[in-house]
Amino acid sequence: MLVTFHSRATPDVLMIRELAQYLLCIAGKRLDRPGVIEHGELARAISRIERAISDEEKAELLEDALSCAALNPPHEHGNEFAQRAWPLLDMMRRADRQHADIVWRCRGDRGDRG
């Protein structure tokens, strides 16, 4: 199932439901149909998602350091969470600059024809 995020400030962002639900939870919202992040809420939502990304990066660095200390070969992590969160985070930043809200709707739910 997909979630479509829409703002007059940016093109739409499509995201799988599980990721959208996780990011919205971090931002202090629930994946309700339909939902909105009002302009006045964006700064806090952006800050919370950025903090979550930073916390994940710190955890990966610690895990790498522990691997080195144990003489285990390092393994690649990449920054999957940051990459997956980027489209919505970018939308939030642009909407905030343009004083726009973000609304979403779930696609594939019963009764949804879109």
PDB file of N, CA and C in Angstrom:
ATOM      1  N   MET A   1       0.840  -1.173   0.000  1.00  0.00           N
ATOM      2  CA  MET A   1       0.000   0.000   0.000  1.00  0.00           C
ATOM      3  C   MET A   1       0.892   1.245   0.000  1.00  0.00           C
ATOM      4  N   LEU A   2       0.466   2.263  -0.711  1.00  0.00           N
ATOM      5  CA  LEU A   2       1.227   3.498  -0.834  1.00  0.00           C
ATOM      6  C   LEU A   2       0.535   4.649  -0.124  1.00  0.00           C
ATOM      7  N   VAL A   3       1.345   5.613   0.287  1.00  0.00           N
ATOM      8  CA  VAL A   3       0.845   6.860   0.863  1.00  0.00           C
ATOM      9  C   VAL A   3       1.331   7.977  -0.052  1.00  0.00           C
ATOM     10  N   THR A   4       0.436   8.881  -0.410  1.00  0.00           N
ATOM     11  CA  THR A   4       0.783  10.027  -1.237  1.00  0.00           C
ATOM     12  C   THR A   4       0.804  11.271  -0.360  1.00  0.00           C
ATOM     13  N   PHE A   5       1.950  11.951  -0.352  1.00  0.00           N
ATOM     14  CA  PHE A   5       2.083  13.231   0.344  1.00  0.00           C
ATOM     15  C   PHE A   5       1.979  14.325  -0.706  1.00  0.00           C
ATOM     16  N   HIS A   6       1.209  15.365  -0.399  1.00  0.00           N
ATOM     17  CA  HIS A   6       0.982  16.453  -1.340  1.00  0.00           C
ATOM     18  C   HIS A   6       1.179  17.789  -0.633  1.00  0.00           C
ATOM     19  N   SER A   7       1.837  18.705  -1.337  1.00  0.00           N
ATOM     20  CA  SER A   7       1.996  20.082  -0.869  1.00  0.00           C
ATOM     21  C   SER A   7       2.042  20.981  -2.097  1.00  0.00           C
ATOM     22  N   ARG A   8       1.512  22.174  -1.958  1.00  0.00           N
ATOM     23  CA  ARG A   8       1.577  23.110  -3.086  1.00  0.00           C
ATOM     24  C   ARG A   8       3.018  23.547  -3.356  1.00  0.00           C
ATOM     25  N   ALA A   9       3.930  23.259  -2.424  1.00  0.00           N
ATOM     26  CA  ALA A   9       5.320  23.701  -2.542  1.00  0.00           C
ATOM     27  C   ALA A   9       6.203  22.741  -3.342  1.00  0.00           C
ATOM     28  N   THR A  10       5.741  21.509  -3.552  1.00  0.00           N
ATOM     29  CA  THR A  10       6.592  20.495  -4.178  1.00  0.00           C
ATOM     30  C   THR A  10       5.755  19.519  -4.990  1.00  0.00           C
ATOM     31  N   PRO A  11       6.427  18.717  -5.806  1.00  0.00           N
ATOM     32  CA  PRO A  11       5.721  17.593  -6.429  1.00  0.00           C
ATOM     33  C   PRO A  11       5.312  16.590  -5.337  1.00  0.00           C
ATOM     34  N   ASP A  12       4.351  15.732  -5.648  1.00  0.00           N
ATOM     35  CA  ASP A  12       3.918  14.712  -4.700  1.00  0.00           C
ATOM     36  C   ASP A  12       5.058  13.748  -4.380  1.00  0.00           C
ATOM     37  N   VAL A  13       4.983  13.168  -3.191  1.00  0.00           N
ATOM     38  CA  VAL A  13       5.918  12.129  -2.766  1.00  0.00           C
ATOM     39  C   VAL A  13       5.103  10.875  -2.476  1.00  0.00           C
ATOM     40  N   LEU A  14       5.475   9.765  -3.109  1.00  0.00           N
ATOM     41  CA  LEU A  14       4.856   8.472  -2.852  1.00  0.00           C
ATOM     42  C   LEU A  14       5.787   7.660  -1.968  1.00  0.00           C
ATOM     43  N   MET A  15       5.214   6.967  -0.999  1.00  0.00           N
ATOM     44  CA  MET A  15       6.022   6.220  -0.048  1.00  0.00           C
ATOM     45  C   MET A  15       5.251   4.977   0.384  1.00  0.00           C
ATOM     46  N   ILE A  16       5.969   3.896   0.652  1.00  0.00           N
ATOM     47  CA  ILE A  16       5.279   2.718   1.164  1.00  0.00           C
ATOM     48  C   ILE A  16       4.716   3.030   2.549  1.00  0.00           C
ATOM     49  N   ARG A  17       3.596   2.402   2.844  1.00  0.00           N
ATOM     50  CA  ARG A  17       2.841   2.712   4.062  1.00  0.00           C
ATOM     51  C   ARG A  17       3.685   2.547   5.331  1.00  0.00           C
ATOM     52  N   GLU A  18       4.463   1.489   5.433  1.00  0.00           N
ATOM     53  CA  GLU A  18       5.227   1.217   6.649  1.00  0.00           C
ATOM     54  C   GLU A  18       6.236   2.328   6.931  1.00  0.00           C
ATOM     55  N   LEU A  19       6.936   2.783   5.894  1.00  0.00           N
ATOM     56  CA  LEU A  19       7.904   3.860   6.075  1.00  0.00           C
ATOM     57  C   LEU A  19       7.193   5.166   6.406  1.00  0.00           C
ATOM     58  N   ALA A  20       6.107   5.447   5.699  1.00  0.00           N
ATOM     59  CA  ALA A  20       5.345   6.671   5.965  1.00  0.00           C
ATOM     60  C   ALA A  20       4.843   6.690   7.408  1.00  0.00           C
ATOM     61  N   GLN A  21       4.327   5.563   7.867  1.00  0.00           N
ATOM     62  CA  GLN A  21       3.828   5.472   9.234  1.00  0.00           C
ATOM     63  C   GLN A  21       4.948   5.720  10.238  1.00  0.00           C
ATOM     64  N   TYR A  22       6.118   5.144   9.997  1.00  0.00           N
ATOM     65  CA  TYR A  22       7.266   5.318  10.882  1.00  0.00           C
ATOM     66  C   TYR A  22       7.721   6.781  10.925  1.00  0.00           C
ATOM     67  N   LEU A  23       7.861   7.396   9.753  1.00  0.00           N
ATOM     68  CA  LEU A  23       8.304   8.788   9.701  1.00  0.00           C
ATOM     69  C   LEU A  23       7.280   9.731  10.332  1.00  0.00           C
ATOM     70  N   LEU A  24       6.011   9.496  10.069  1.00  0.00           N
ATOM     71  CA  LEU A  24       4.980  10.340  10.664  1.00  0.00           C
ATOM     72  C   LEU A  24       4.956  10.193  12.183  1.00  0.00           C
ATOM     73  N   CYS A  25       5.183   8.985  12.664  1.00  0.00           N
ATOM     74  CA  CYS A  25       5.240   8.769  14.112  1.00  0.00           C
ATOM     75  C   CYS A  25       6.393   9.572  14.719  1.00  0.00           C
ATOM     76  N   ILE A  26       7.549   9.531  14.093  1.00  0.00           N
ATOM     77  CA  ILE A  26       8.692  10.323  14.561  1.00  0.00           C
ATOM     78  C   ILE A  26       8.325  11.803  14.565  1.00  0.00           C
ATOM     79  N   ALA A  27       7.614  12.230  13.526  1.00  0.00           N
ATOM     80  CA  ALA A  27       7.230  13.640  13.393  1.00  0.00           C
ATOM     81  C   ALA A  27       6.094  14.037  14.336  1.00  0.00           C
ATOM     82  N   GLY A  28       5.557  13.055  15.076  1.00  0.00           N
ATOM     83  CA  GLY A  28       4.482  13.364  16.015  1.00  0.00           C
ATOM     84  C   GLY A  28       3.089  13.269  15.426  1.00  0.00           C
ATOM     85  N   LYS A  29       2.952  12.541  14.332  1.00  0.00           N
ATOM     86  CA  LYS A  29       1.657  12.390  13.654  1.00  0.00           C
ATOM     87  C   LYS A  29       1.310  10.915  13.543  1.00  0.00           C
ATOM     88  N   ARG A  30       0.051  10.669  13.214  1.00  0.00           N
ATOM     89  CA  ARG A  30      -0.416   9.310  12.958  1.00  0.00           C
ATOM     90  C   ARG A  30      -0.878   9.219  11.512  1.00  0.00           C
ATOM     91  N   LEU A  31      -0.752   8.028  10.979  1.00  0.00           N
ATOM     92  CA  LEU A  31      -1.159   7.800   9.594  1.00  0.00           C
ATOM     93  C   LEU A  31      -2.665   7.590   9.541  1.00  0.00           C
ATOM     94  N   ASP A  32      -3.384   8.698   9.630  1.00  0.00           N
ATOM     95  CA  ASP A  32      -4.839   8.666   9.520  1.00  0.00           C
ATOM     96  C   ASP A  32      -5.224   9.061   8.106  1.00  0.00           C
ATOM     97  N   ARG A  33      -6.448   8.718   7.706  1.00  0.00           N
ATOM     98  CA  ARG A  33      -6.889   9.071   6.361  1.00  0.00           C
ATOM     99  C   ARG A  33      -7.905  10.164   6.442  1.00  0.00           C
ATOM    100  N   PRO A  34      -7.783  11.247   5.768  1.00  0.00           N
ATOM    101  CA  PRO A  34      -6.520  11.860   5.348  1.00  0.00           C
ATOM    102  C   PRO A  34      -5.865  12.536   6.541  1.00  0.00           C
ATOM    103  N   GLY A  35      -4.654  12.999   6.358  1.00  0.00           N
ATOM    104  CA  GLY A  35      -3.940  13.659   7.432  1.00  0.00           C
ATOM    105  C   GLY A  35      -3.261  14.912   6.939  1.00  0.00           C
ATOM    106  N   VAL A  36      -2.777  15.713   7.882  1.00  0.00           N
ATOM    107  CA  VAL A  36      -2.125  16.968   7.513  1.00  0.00           C
ATOM    108  C   VAL A  36      -1.030  17.307   8.518  1.00  0.00           C
ATOM    109  N   ILE A  37       0.057  17.843   7.999  1.00  0.00           N
ATOM    110  CA  ILE A  37       1.067  18.508   8.813  1.00  0.00           C
ATOM    111  C   ILE A  37       0.949  19.977   8.448  1.00  0.00           C
ATOM    112  N   GLU A  38       0.458  20.753   9.369  1.00  0.00           N
ATOM    113  CA  GLU A  38       0.277  22.177   9.105  1.00  0.00           C
ATOM    114  C   GLU A  38       1.624  22.882   9.132  1.00  0.00           C
ATOM    115  N   HIS A  39       1.688  23.999   8.400  1.00  0.00           N
ATOM    116  CA  HIS A  39       2.932  24.745   8.290  1.00  0.00           C
ATOM    117  C   HIS A  39       3.566  25.002   9.656  1.00  0.00           C
ATOM    118  N   GLY A  40       2.780  25.379  10.631  1.00  0.00           N
ATOM    119  CA  GLY A  40       3.303  25.673  11.959  1.00  0.00           C
ATOM    120  C   GLY A  40       3.895  24.473  12.674  1.00  0.00           C
ATOM    121  N   GLU A  41       3.617  23.270  12.204  1.00  0.00           N
ATOM    122  CA  GLU A  41       4.141  22.046  12.804  1.00  0.00           C
ATOM    123  C   GLU A  41       5.406  21.533  12.108  1.00  0.00           C
ATOM    124  N   LEU A  42       5.731  22.107  10.967  1.00  0.00           N
ATOM    125  CA  LEU A  42       6.815  21.558  10.150  1.00  0.00           C
ATOM    126  C   LEU A  42       8.184  21.653  10.809  1.00  0.00           C
ATOM    127  N   ALA A  43       8.517  22.763  11.432  1.00  0.00           N
ATOM    128  CA  ALA A  43       9.854  22.912  12.028  1.00  0.00           C
ATOM    129  C   ALA A  43      10.112  21.813  13.054  1.00  0.00           C
ATOM    130  N   ARG A  44       9.131  21.544  13.880  1.00  0.00           N
ATOM    131  CA  ARG A  44       9.287  20.500  14.902  1.00  0.00           C
ATOM    132  C   ARG A  44       9.395  19.117  14.243  1.00  0.00           C
ATOM    133  N   ALA A  45       8.567  18.853  13.241  1.00  0.00           N
ATOM    134  CA  ALA A  45       8.597  17.570  12.547  1.00  0.00           C
ATOM    135  C   ALA A  45       9.947  17.355  11.862  1.00  0.00           C
ATOM    136  N   ILE A  46      10.458  18.386  11.201  1.00  0.00           N
ATOM    137  CA  ILE A  46      11.763  18.304  10.536  1.00  0.00           C
ATOM    138  C   ILE A  46      12.848  18.001  11.558  1.00  0.00           C
ATOM    139  N   SER A  47      12.836  18.722  12.660  1.00  0.00           N
ATOM    140  CA  SER A  47      13.839  18.528  13.710  1.00  0.00           C
ATOM    141  C   SER A  47      13.818  17.103  14.255  1.00  0.00           C
ATOM    142  N   ARG A  48      12.646  16.559  14.466  1.00  0.00           N
ATOM    143  CA  ARG A  48      12.525  15.210  15.017  1.00  0.00           C
ATOM    144  C   ARG A  48      13.042  14.164  14.037  1.00  0.00           C
ATOM    145  N   ILE A  49      12.759  14.317  12.756  1.00  0.00           N
ATOM    146  CA  ILE A  49      13.251  13.352  11.764  1.00  0.00           C
ATOM    147  C   ILE A  49      14.762  13.480  11.611  1.00  0.00           C
ATOM    148  N   GLU A  50      15.289  14.707  11.574  1.00  0.00           N
ATOM    149  CA  GLU A  50      16.733  14.901  11.488  1.00  0.00           C
ATOM    150  C   GLU A  50      17.440  14.280  12.693  1.00  0.00           C
ATOM    151  N   ARG A  51      16.856  14.419  13.873  1.00  0.00           N
ATOM    152  CA  ARG A  51      17.444  13.833  15.084  1.00  0.00           C
ATOM    153  C   ARG A  51      17.448  12.311  14.984  1.00  0.00           C
ATOM    154  N   ALA A  52      16.382  11.730  14.472  1.00  0.00           N
ATOM    155  CA  ALA A  52      16.315  10.276  14.314  1.00  0.00           C
ATOM    156  C   ALA A  52      17.380   9.785  13.334  1.00  0.00           C
ATOM    157  N   ILE A  53      17.590  10.530  12.255  1.00  0.00           N
ATOM    158  CA  ILE A  53      18.634  10.174  11.290  1.00  0.00           C
ATOM    159  C   ILE A  53      20.003  10.257  11.957  1.00  0.00           C
ATOM    160  N   SER A  54      20.256  11.322  12.696  1.00  0.00           N
ATOM    161  CA  SER A  54      21.524  11.496  13.397  1.00  0.00           C
ATOM    162  C   SER A  54      21.754  10.372  14.402  1.00  0.00           C
ATOM    163  N   ASP A  55      20.718  10.016  15.144  1.00  0.00           N
ATOM    164  CA  ASP A  55      20.839   8.932  16.124  1.00  0.00           C
ATOM    165  C   ASP A  55      21.172   7.614  15.443  1.00  0.00           C
ATOM    166  N   GLU A  56      20.580   7.363  14.279  1.00  0.00           N
ATOM    167  CA  GLU A  56      20.882   6.131  13.560  1.00  0.00           C
ATOM    168  C   GLU A  56      22.324   6.135  13.067  1.00  0.00           C
ATOM    169  N   GLU A  57      22.798   7.279  12.566  1.00  0.00           N
ATOM    170  CA  GLU A  57      24.182   7.373  12.105  1.00  0.00           C
ATOM    171  C   GLU A  57      25.148   7.133  13.257  1.00  0.00           C
ATOM    172  N   LYS A  58      24.838   7.681  14.442  1.00  0.00           N
ATOM    173  CA  LYS A  58      25.694   7.460  15.614  1.00  0.00           C
ATOM    174  C   LYS A  58      25.718   5.985  15.992  1.00  0.00           C
ATOM    175  N   ALA A  59      24.579   5.323  15.921  1.00  0.00           N
ATOM    176  CA  ALA A  59      24.510   3.896  16.247  1.00  0.00           C
ATOM    177  C   ALA A  59      25.343   3.083  15.264  1.00  0.00           C
ATOM    178  N   GLU A  60      25.303   3.447  13.985  1.00  0.00           N
ATOM    179  CA  GLU A  60      26.109   2.742  12.985  1.00  0.00           C
ATOM    180  C   GLU A  60      27.598   2.949  13.236  1.00  0.00           C
ATOM    181  N   LEU A  61      27.997   4.171  13.594  1.00  0.00           N
ATOM    182  CA  LEU A  61      29.403   4.436  13.898  1.00  0.00           C
ATOM    183  C   LEU A  61      29.865   3.615  15.092  1.00  0.00           C
ATOM    184  N   LEU A  62      29.034   3.531  16.125  1.00  0.00           N
ATOM    185  CA  LEU A  62      29.374   2.741  17.296  1.00  0.00           C
ATOM    186  C   LEU A  62      29.504   1.268  16.927  1.00  0.00           C
ATOM    187  N   GLU A  63      28.587   0.765  16.131  1.00  0.00           N
ATOM    188  CA  GLU A  63      28.647  -0.631  15.709  1.00  0.00           C
ATOM    189  C   GLU A  63      29.925  -0.910  14.918  1.00  0.00           C
ATOM    190  N   ASP A  64      30.303   0.024  14.027  1.00  0.00           N
ATOM    191  CA  ASP A  64      31.545  -0.128  13.270  1.00  0.00           C
ATOM    192  C   ASP A  64      32.756  -0.120  14.191  1.00  0.00           C
ATOM    193  N   ALA A  65      32.748   0.782  15.178  1.00  0.00           N
ATOM    194  CA  ALA A  65      33.865   0.856  16.121  1.00  0.00           C
ATOM    195  C   ALA A  65      33.986  -0.436  16.915  1.00  0.00           C
ATOM    196  N   LEU A  66      32.874  -0.986  17.339  1.00  0.00           N
ATOM    197  CA  LEU A  66      32.900  -2.251  18.078  1.00  0.00           C
ATOM    198  C   LEU A  66      33.388  -3.391  17.205  1.00  0.00           C
ATOM    199  N   SER A  67      33.029  -3.375  15.927  1.00  0.00           N
ATOM    200  CA  SER A  67      33.510  -4.403  15.001  1.00  0.00           C
ATOM    201  C   SER A  67      35.020  -4.331  14.857  1.00  0.00           C
ATOM    202  N   CYS A  68      35.539  -3.106  14.742  1.00  0.00           N
ATOM    203  CA  CYS A  68      36.985  -2.927  14.622  1.00  0.00           C
ATOM    204  C   CYS A  68      37.689  -3.386  15.890  1.00  0.00           C
ATOM    205  N   ALA A  69      37.134  -3.055  17.019  1.00  0.00           N
ATOM    206  CA  ALA A  69      37.738  -3.427  18.293  1.00  0.00           C
ATOM    207  C   ALA A  69      37.778  -4.941  18.452  1.00  0.00           C
ATOM    208  N   ALA A  70      36.799  -5.618  17.916  1.00  0.00           N
ATOM    209  CA  ALA A  70      36.747  -7.075  18.012  1.00  0.00           C
ATOM    210  C   ALA A  70      37.484  -7.748  16.850  1.00  0.00           C
ATOM    211  N   LEU A  71      38.130  -6.941  16.004  1.00  0.00           N
ATOM    212  CA  LEU A  71      38.865  -7.411  14.830  1.00  0.00           C
ATOM    213  C   LEU A  71      37.988  -8.155  13.838  1.00  0.00           C
ATOM    214  N   ASN A  72      36.732  -7.810  13.826  1.00  0.00           N
ATOM    215  CA  ASN A  72      35.831  -8.352  12.819  1.00  0.00           C
ATOM    216  C   ASN A  72      35.925  -7.482  11.575  1.00  0.00           C
ATOM    217  N   PRO A  73      35.779  -8.062  10.406  1.00  0.00           N
ATOM    218  CA  PRO A  73      35.810  -7.221   9.204  1.00  0.00           C
ATOM    219  C   PRO A  73      34.612  -6.269   9.192  1.00  0.00           C
ATOM    220  N   PRO A  74      34.849  -5.035   8.786  1.00  0.00           N
ATOM    221  CA  PRO A  74      33.730  -4.082   8.756  1.00  0.00           C
ATOM    222  C   PRO A  74      32.715  -4.490   7.704  1.00  0.00           C
ATOM    223  N   HIS A  75      31.490  -4.147   7.942  1.00  0.00           N
ATOM    224  CA  HIS A  75      30.448  -4.396   6.949  1.00  0.00           C
ATOM    225  C   HIS A  75      29.815  -3.061   6.603  1.00  0.00           C
ATOM    226  N   GLU A  76      29.305  -2.989   5.405  1.00  0.00           N
ATOM    227  CA  GLU A  76      28.753  -1.725   4.932  1.00  0.00           C
ATOM    228  C   GLU A  76      27.320  -1.556   5.421  1.00  0.00           C
ATOM    229  N   HIS A  77      27.021  -0.340   5.859  1.00  0.00           N
ATOM    230  CA  HIS A  77      25.668  -0.017   6.277  1.00  0.00           C
ATOM    231  C   HIS A  77      24.987   0.870   5.254  1.00  0.00           C
ATOM    232  N   GLY A  78      25.732   1.840   4.740  1.00  0.00           N
ATOM    233  CA  GLY A  78      25.096   2.898   3.980  1.00  0.00           C
ATOM    234  C   GLY A  78      24.254   3.693   4.959  1.00  0.00           C
ATOM    235  N   ASN A  79      23.482   4.592   4.470  1.00  0.00           N
ATOM    236  CA  ASN A  79      22.591   5.319   5.359  1.00  0.00           C
ATOM    237  C   ASN A  79      21.190   5.169   4.799  1.00  0.00           C
ATOM    238  N   GLU A  80      20.687   3.933   4.892  1.00  0.00           N
ATOM    239  CA  GLU A  80      19.409   3.615   4.275  1.00  0.00           C
ATOM    240  C   GLU A  80      18.262   4.454   4.824  1.00  0.00           C
ATOM    241  N   PHE A  81      18.217   4.643   6.135  1.00  0.00           N
ATOM    242  CA  PHE A  81      17.123   5.410   6.721  1.00  0.00           C
ATOM    243  C   PHE A  81      17.125   6.835   6.195  1.00  0.00           C
ATOM    244  N   ALA A  82      18.286   7.475   6.171  1.00  0.00           N
ATOM    245  CA  ALA A  82      18.376   8.850   5.676  1.00  0.00           C
ATOM    246  C   ALA A  82      17.955   8.920   4.210  1.00  0.00           C
ATOM    247  N   GLN A  83      18.385   7.943   3.419  1.00  0.00           N
ATOM    248  CA  GLN A  83      18.022   7.926   2.003  1.00  0.00           C
ATOM    249  C   GLN A  83      16.528   7.733   1.814  1.00  0.00           C
ATOM    250  N   ARG A  84      15.945   6.866   2.614  1.00  0.00           N
ATOM    251  CA  ARG A  84      14.511   6.587   2.474  1.00  0.00           C
ATOM    252  C   ARG A  84      13.663   7.740   3.007  1.00  0.00           C
ATOM    253  N   ALA A  85      14.177   8.452   4.008  1.00  0.00           N
ATOM    254  CA  ALA A  85      13.438   9.574   4.597  1.00  0.00           C
ATOM    255  C   ALA A  85      13.588  10.847   3.774  1.00  0.00           C
ATOM    256  N   TRP A  86      14.627  10.935   2.951  1.00  0.00           N
ATOM    257  CA  TRP A  86      14.963  12.182   2.269  1.00  0.00           C
ATOM    258  C   TRP A  86      13.806  12.792   1.474  1.00  0.00           C
ATOM    259  N   PRO A  87      13.057  12.040   0.660  1.00  0.00           N
ATOM    260  CA  PRO A  87      11.996  12.702  -0.125  1.00  0.00           C
ATOM    261  C   PRO A  87      10.980  13.444   0.736  1.00  0.00           C
ATOM    262  N   LEU A  88      10.546  12.826   1.834  1.00  0.00           N
ATOM    263  CA  LEU A  88       9.582  13.499   2.702  1.00  0.00           C
ATOM    264  C   LEU A  88      10.238  14.645   3.466  1.00  0.00           C
ATOM    265  N   LEU A  89      11.455  14.445   3.923  1.00  0.00           N
ATOM    266  CA  LEU A  89      12.162  15.500   4.643  1.00  0.00           C
ATOM    267  C   LEU A  89      12.406  16.703   3.741  1.00  0.00           C
ATOM    268  N   ASP A  90      12.779  16.460   2.492  1.00  0.00           N
ATOM    269  CA  ASP A  90      12.959  17.543   1.528  1.00  0.00           C
ATOM    270  C   ASP A  90      11.638  18.276   1.291  1.00  0.00           C
ATOM    271  N   MET A  91      10.554  17.516   1.152  1.00  0.00           N
ATOM    272  CA  MET A  91       9.239  18.125   0.977  1.00  0.00           C
ATOM    273  C   MET A  91       8.905  19.013   2.170  1.00  0.00           C
ATOM    274  N   MET A  92       9.178  18.525   3.378  1.00  0.00           N
ATOM    275  CA  MET A  92       8.890  19.298   4.586  1.00  0.00           C
ATOM    276  C   MET A  92       9.681  20.608   4.610  1.00  0.00           C
ATOM    277  N   ARG A  93      10.952  20.530   4.270  1.00  0.00           N
ATOM    278  CA  ARG A  93      11.794  21.739   4.276  1.00  0.00           C
ATOM    279  C   ARG A  93      11.286  22.757   3.257  1.00  0.00           C
ATOM    280  N   ARG A  94      10.964  22.292   2.065  1.00  0.00           N
ATOM    281  CA  ARG A  94      10.484  23.207   1.023  1.00  0.00           C
ATOM    282  C   ARG A  94       9.123  23.787   1.374  1.00  0.00           C
ATOM    283  N   ALA A  95       8.246  22.961   1.933  1.00  0.00           N
ATOM    284  CA  ALA A  95       6.930  23.442   2.345  1.00  0.00           C
ATOM    285  C   ALA A  95       7.067  24.467   3.471  1.00  0.00           C
ATOM    286  N   ASP A  96       7.997  24.223   4.379  1.00  0.00           N
ATOM    287  CA  ASP A  96       8.210  25.163   5.478  1.00  0.00           C
ATOM    288  C   ASP A  96       8.663  26.521   4.939  1.00  0.00           C
ATOM    289  N   ARG A  97       9.584  26.509   3.980  1.00  0.00           N
ATOM    290  CA  ARG A  97      10.066  27.772   3.394  1.00  0.00           C
ATOM    291  C   ARG A  97       8.954  28.526   2.675  1.00  0.00           C
ATOM    292  N   GLN A  98       7.990  27.791   2.119  1.00  0.00           N
ATOM    293  CA  GLN A  98       6.913  28.424   1.355  1.00  0.00           C
ATOM    294  C   GLN A  98       5.619  28.552   2.165  1.00  0.00           C
ATOM    295  N   HIS A  99       5.704  28.288   3.466  1.00  0.00           N
ATOM    296  CA  HIS A  99       4.543  28.412   4.366  1.00  0.00           C
ATOM    297  C   HIS A  99       3.360  27.580   3.878  1.00  0.00           C
ATOM    298  N   ALA A 100       3.661  26.347   3.482  1.00  0.00           N
ATOM    299  CA  ALA A 100       2.634  25.446   2.945  1.00  0.00           C
ATOM    300  C   ALA A 100       2.432  24.256   3.881  1.00  0.00           C
ATOM    301  N   ASP A 101       1.251  23.704   3.860  1.00  0.00           N
ATOM    302  CA  ASP A 101       0.942  22.491   4.606  1.00  0.00           C
ATOM    303  C   ASP A 101       1.287  21.267   3.750  1.00  0.00           C
ATOM    304  N   ILE A 102       1.337  20.127   4.405  1.00  0.00           N
ATOM    305  CA  ILE A 102       1.493  18.845   3.710  1.00  0.00           C
ATOM    306  C   ILE A 102       0.304  17.980   4.101  1.00  0.00           C
ATOM    307  N   VAL A 103      -0.341  17.423   3.121  1.00  0.00           N
ATOM    308  CA  VAL A 103      -1.455  16.508   3.372  1.00  0.00           C
ATOM    309  C   VAL A 103      -1.095  15.147   2.788  1.00  0.00           C
ATOM    310  N   TRP A 104      -1.713  14.110   3.322  1.00  0.00           N
ATOM    311  CA  TRP A 104      -1.473  12.787   2.784  1.00  0.00           C
ATOM    312  C   TRP A 104      -2.758  11.993   2.727  1.00  0.00           C
ATOM    313  N   ARG A 105      -2.688  10.967   1.879  1.00  0.00           N
ATOM    314  CA  ARG A 105      -3.777  10.011   1.813  1.00  0.00           C
ATOM    315  C   ARG A 105      -3.178   8.658   1.477  1.00  0.00           C
ATOM    316  N   CYS A 106      -3.829   7.634   1.951  1.00  0.00           N
ATOM    317  CA  CYS A 106      -3.384   6.261   1.684  1.00  0.00           C
ATOM    318  C   CYS A 106      -4.016   5.780   0.396  1.00  0.00           C
ATOM    319  N   ARG A 107      -3.217   5.179  -0.433  1.00  0.00           N
ATOM    320  CA  ARG A 107      -3.714   4.612  -1.689  1.00  0.00           C
ATOM    321  C   ARG A 107      -3.773   3.109  -1.529  1.00  0.00           C
ATOM    322  N   GLY A 108      -4.829   2.535  -2.050  1.00  0.00           N
ATOM    323  CA  GLY A 108      -4.991   1.091  -1.968  1.00  0.00           C
ATOM    324  C   GLY A 108      -5.888   0.665  -0.825  1.00  0.00           C
ATOM    325  N   ASP A 109      -6.347   1.629  -0.029  1.00  0.00           N
ATOM    326  CA  ASP A 109      -7.319   1.311   1.024  1.00  0.00           C
ATOM    327  C   ASP A 109      -8.666   1.048   0.386  1.00  0.00           C
ATOM    328  N   ARG A 110      -9.515   0.381   1.104  1.00  0.00           N
ATOM    329  CA  ARG A 110     -10.880   0.156   0.611  1.00  0.00           C
ATOM    330  C   ARG A 110     -11.554   1.485   0.324  1.00  0.00           C
ATOM    331  N   GLY A 111     -12.216   1.544  -0.771  1.00  0.00           N
ATOM    332  CA  GLY A 111     -12.929   2.760  -1.136  1.00  0.00           C
ATOM    333  C   GLY A 111     -12.068   3.782  -1.855  1.00  0.00           C
ATOM    334  N   ASP A 112     -10.742   3.558  -1.908  1.00  0.00           N
ATOM    335  CA  ASP A 112      -9.869   4.492  -2.621  1.00  0.00           C
ATOM    336  C   ASP A 112      -9.822   4.087  -4.080  1.00  0.00           C
ATOM    337  N   ARG A 113     -10.163   4.995  -4.931  1.00  0.00           N
ATOM    338  CA  ARG A 113     -10.157   4.703  -6.367  1.00  0.00           C
ATOM    339  C   ARG A 113      -8.910   5.229  -7.045  1.00  0.00           C
ATOM    340  N   GLY A 114      -7.991   5.893  -6.287  1.00  0.00           N
ATOM    341  CA  GLY A 114      -6.792   6.499  -6.867  1.00  0.00           C
ATOM    342  C   GLY A 114      -5.659   5.671  -6.765  1.00  0.00           C
TER     343      GLY A 114
END
